[in-house]
C-alpha atoms as a PDB file:
ATOM      1  CA  MET A   1       7.444  10.704 -10.738  1.00  0.00           C
ATOM      2  CA  ASN A   2       7.158  10.730  -7.005  1.00  0.00           C
ATOM      3  CA  ASN A   3       6.814   7.711  -4.734  1.00  0.00           C
ATOM      4  CA  LYS A   4       3.248   8.591  -3.781  1.00  0.00           C
ATOM      5  CA  THR A   5       2.100   8.482  -7.420  1.00  0.00           C
ATOM      6  CA  PHE A   6       3.907   5.211  -8.032  1.00  0.00           C
ATOM      7  CA  ASN A   7       2.581   3.602  -4.826  1.00  0.00           C
ATOM      8  CA  HIS A   8      -1.017   4.606  -5.584  1.00  0.00           C
ATOM      9  CA  THR A   9      -0.799   3.353  -9.179  1.00  0.00           C
ATOM     10  CA  LEU A  10       0.784   0.092  -8.038  1.00  0.00           C
ATOM     11  CA  GLY A  11      -1.864  -0.312  -5.352  1.00  0.00           C
ATOM     12  CA  ARG A  12      -4.708   0.219  -7.809  1.00  0.00           C
ATOM     13  CA  GLU A  13      -3.201  -2.376 -10.143  1.00  0.00           C
ATOM     14  CA  ILE A  14      -2.819  -4.903  -7.317  1.00  0.00           C
ATOM     15  CA  ARG A  15      -6.454  -4.346  -6.340  1.00  0.00           C
ATOM     16  CA  ARG A  16      -7.638  -4.592  -9.960  1.00  0.00           C
ATOM     17  CA  VAL A  17      -5.923  -7.954 -10.503  1.00  0.00           C
ATOM     18  CA  ARG A  18      -7.035  -9.306  -7.118  1.00  0.00           C
ATOM     19  CA  GLU A  19     -10.659  -8.360  -7.742  1.00  0.00           C
ATOM     20  CA  GLU A  20     -10.497  -9.646 -11.322  1.00  0.00           C
ATOM     21  CA  LYS A  21      -9.453 -13.021  -9.892  1.00  0.00           C
ATOM     22  CA  GLY A  22     -12.261 -12.908  -7.310  1.00  0.00           C
ATOM     23  CA  ILE A  23      -9.865 -13.018  -4.338  1.00  0.00           C
ATOM     24  CA  THR A  24     -10.451 -11.125  -1.088  1.00  0.00           C
ATOM     25  CA  GLN A  25      -7.688  -9.262   0.714  1.00  0.00           C
ATOM     26  CA  GLU A  26      -7.834 -11.923   3.423  1.00  0.00           C
ATOM     27  CA  GLU A  27      -7.428 -14.760   0.897  1.00  0.00           C
ATOM     28  CA  LEU A  28      -4.518 -13.011  -0.792  1.00  0.00           C
ATOM     29  CA  ALA A  29      -2.875 -12.362   2.564  1.00  0.00           C
ATOM     30  CA  ALA A  30      -3.221 -16.032   3.510  1.00  0.00           C
ATOM     31  CA  ARG A  31      -1.659 -17.101   0.190  1.00  0.00           C
ATOM     32  CA  MET A  32       1.250 -14.735   0.808  1.00  0.00           C
ATOM     33  CA  ASN A  33       1.521 -15.581   4.516  1.00  0.00           C
ATOM     34  CA  VAL A  34       1.101 -11.941   5.603  1.00  0.00           C
ATOM     35  CA  ASN A  35      -1.480 -10.000   7.582  1.00  0.00           C
ATOM     36  CA  TYR A  36      -4.398  -8.693   5.478  1.00  0.00           C
ATOM     37  CA  GLN A  37      -3.579  -5.151   6.675  1.00  0.00           C
ATOM     38  CA  ASN A  38      -0.385  -5.367   4.596  1.00  0.00           C
ATOM     39  CA  ILE A  39      -2.437  -6.050   1.473  1.00  0.00           C
ATOM     40  CA  SER A  40      -4.769  -3.185   2.370  1.00  0.00           C
ATOM     41  CA  SER A  41      -1.874  -0.754   2.831  1.00  0.00           C
ATOM     42  CA  TYR A  42      -0.354  -1.813  -0.523  1.00  0.00           C
ATOM     43  CA  GLU A  43      -3.671  -1.308  -2.301  1.00  0.00           C
ATOM     44  CA  ARG A  44      -4.184   2.117  -0.724  1.00  0.00           C
ATOM     45  CA  GLY A  45      -0.699   3.167  -1.808  1.00  0.00           C
ATOM     46  CA  GLU A  46       0.497   3.680   1.753  1.00  0.00           C
ATOM     47  CA  ARG A  47       3.297   1.132   1.371  1.00  0.00           C
ATOM     48  CA  CYS A  48       5.193  -0.314  -1.559  1.00  0.00           C
ATOM     49  CA  PRO A  49       5.981  -4.038  -1.442  1.00  0.00           C
ATOM     50  CA  SER A  50       9.621  -5.051  -1.749  1.00  0.00           C
ATOM     51  CA  LEU A  51      10.758  -7.229  -4.655  1.00  0.00           C
ATOM     52  CA  PHE A  52      10.510 -10.245  -2.342  1.00  0.00           C
ATOM     53  CA  TRP A  53       6.857  -9.488  -1.603  1.00  0.00           C
ATOM     54  CA  MET A  54       6.130  -8.658  -5.238  1.00  0.00           C
ATOM     55  CA  ASN A  55       7.348 -12.147  -6.176  1.00  0.00           C
ATOM     56  CA  ARG A  56       5.080 -13.625  -3.504  1.00  0.00           C
ATOM     57  CA  LEU A  57       2.249 -11.503  -4.898  1.00  0.00           C
ATOM     58  CA  TYR A  58       2.821 -12.813  -8.450  1.00  0.00           C
ATOM     59  CA  GLU A  59       2.737 -16.387  -7.145  1.00  0.00           C
ATOM     60  CA  ALA A  60      -0.336 -15.813  -4.969  1.00  0.00           C
ATOM     61  CA  LEU A  61      -2.269 -14.182  -7.812  1.00  0.00           C
ATOM     62  CA  GLU A  62      -0.916 -16.694 -10.345  1.00  0.00           C
ATOM     63  CA  ILE A  63       0.195 -13.970 -12.737  1.00  0.00           C
ATOM     64  CA  GLU A  64       3.280 -13.433 -14.864  1.00  0.00           C
ATOM     65  CA  PRO A  65       5.577 -10.655 -13.626  1.00  0.00           C
ATOM     66  CA  ALA A  66       6.109  -9.364 -17.179  1.00  0.00           C
ATOM     67  CA  SER A  67       2.394  -8.928 -17.874  1.00  0.00           C
ATOM     68  CA  PHE A  68       1.792  -7.210 -14.520  1.00  0.00           C
ATOM     69  CA  THR A  69       4.789  -4.918 -15.035  1.00  0.00           C
ATOM     70  CA  LYS A  70       3.676  -4.054 -18.570  1.00  0.00           C
ATOM     71  CA  ALA A  71       0.177  -3.135 -17.362  1.00  0.00           C
ATOM     72  CA  LEU A  72       1.651  -1.043 -14.542  1.00  0.00           C
ATOM     73  CA  TYR A  73       4.087   0.676 -16.903  1.00  0.00           C
ATOM     74  CA  GLN A  74       1.250   1.549 -19.300  1.00  0.00           C
ATOM     75  CA  LYS A  75      -0.788   3.059 -16.469  1.00  0.00           C
ATOM     76  CA  LEU A  76       2.201   5.042 -15.218  1.00  0.00           C
ATOM     77  CA  ASN A  77       2.721   6.428 -18.722  1.00  0.00           C
ATOM     78  CA  SER A  78      -0.925   7.141 -19.447  1.00  0.00           C
ATOM     79  CA  PRO A  79      -1.823  10.667 -20.599  1.00  0.00           C
ATOM     80  CA  THR A  80      -3.518  11.328 -17.249  1.00  0.00           C
ATOM     81  CA  LEU A  81      -0.197  11.078 -15.411  1.00  0.00           C
ATOM     82  CA  SER A  82       2.441  13.670 -16.248  1.00  0.00           C
ATOM     83  CA  HIS A  83       5.756  12.228 -15.159  1.00  0.00           C
ATOM     84  CA  HIS A  84       8.695  10.224 -16.439  1.00  0.00           C
ATOM     85  CA  ILE A  85       9.771   6.797 -15.246  1.00  0.00           C
ATOM     86  CA  THR A  86      13.437   5.877 -15.320  1.00  0.00           C
ATOM     87  CA  ILE A  87      14.403   2.243 -15.447  1.00  0.00           C
ATOM     88  CA  ILE A  88      18.018   1.325 -14.749  1.00  0.00           C
ATOM     89  CA  ASN A  89      19.727  -1.198 -16.980  1.00  0.00           C
ATOM     90  CA  PRO A  90      20.925  -3.912 -14.552  1.00  0.00           C
ATOM     91  CA  VAL A  91      23.957  -4.640 -16.726  1.00  0.00           C
ATOM     92  CA  SER A  92      25.395  -1.139 -17.006  1.00  0.00           C
ATOM     93  CA  ASP A  93      23.543   0.948 -14.358  1.00  0.00           C
ATOM     94  CA  ASN A  94      22.636   3.418 -17.114  1.00  0.00           C
ATOM     95  CA  PRO A  95      19.081   4.713 -17.424  1.00  0.00           C
ATOM     96  CA  ILE A  96      16.972   3.231 -20.198  1.00  0.00           C
ATOM     97  CA  THR A  97      15.133   6.159 -21.715  1.00  0.00           C
ATOM     98  CA  GLU A  98      13.080   4.366 -24.365  1.00  0.00           C
ATOM     99  CA  ASN A  99      10.098   2.157 -23.627  1.00  0.00           C
ATOM    100  CA  PRO A 100      11.629  -1.049 -22.193  1.00  0.00           C
ATOM    101  CA  ILE A 101       8.424  -2.975 -22.837  1.00  0.00           C
ATOM    102  CA  PRO A 102       7.789  -2.808 -26.568  1.00  0.00           C
ATOM    103  CA  ASP A 103       4.271  -3.007 -27.929  1.00  0.00           C
ATOM    104  CA  LYS A 104       5.570  -4.035 -31.351  1.00  0.00           C
ATOM    105  CA  PRO A 105       7.419  -7.243 -32.241  1.00  0.00           C
ATOM    106  CA  VAL A 106      11.108  -7.057 -31.425  1.00  0.00           C
ATOM    107  CA  SER A 107      13.975  -7.744 -33.771  1.00  0.00           C
ATOM    108  CA  ASP A 108      16.257 -10.762 -33.409  1.00  0.00           C
ATOM    109  CA  ASN A 109      18.854  -8.812 -31.447  1.00  0.00           C
ATOM    110  CA  GLN A 110      16.387  -7.642 -28.778  1.00  0.00           C
ATOM    111  CA  VAL A 111      14.801  -9.521 -25.914  1.00  0.00           C
ATOM    112  CA  SER A 112      11.057  -9.468 -25.525  1.00  0.00           C
ATOM    113  CA  THR A 113       9.599  -9.299 -22.007  1.00  0.00           C
ATOM    114  CA  GLU A 114       7.406 -12.271 -22.917  1.00  0.00           C
ATOM    115  CA  GLU A 115      10.579 -14.359 -23.341  1.00  0.00           C
ATOM    116  CA  ILE A 116      11.970 -13.486 -19.928  1.00  0.00           C
END
């Protein structure tokens, strides 16, 4: 997957959630304490927000990071996109090759994203 594909998919998801909540770019920018042009550039896929700004985005949109990430992951892995996403395990720095966000219930020895 290239950065352009990721940025555009992320931007579309940000826009979808913002519009679903009935919030304008200007309102979202005010909640995040940024210029509305930043929101516009994120939504167009021109820029990718840092983790700091993603956390501000979650707070401003009043959404759970896990649910947003799951929706984004599903879009990135949809049949219309032909690429592979690699997620690094923060404990061992090894790639996680299986789906890190299970759709099925997890066993007792696994952690569900809903519990995080």
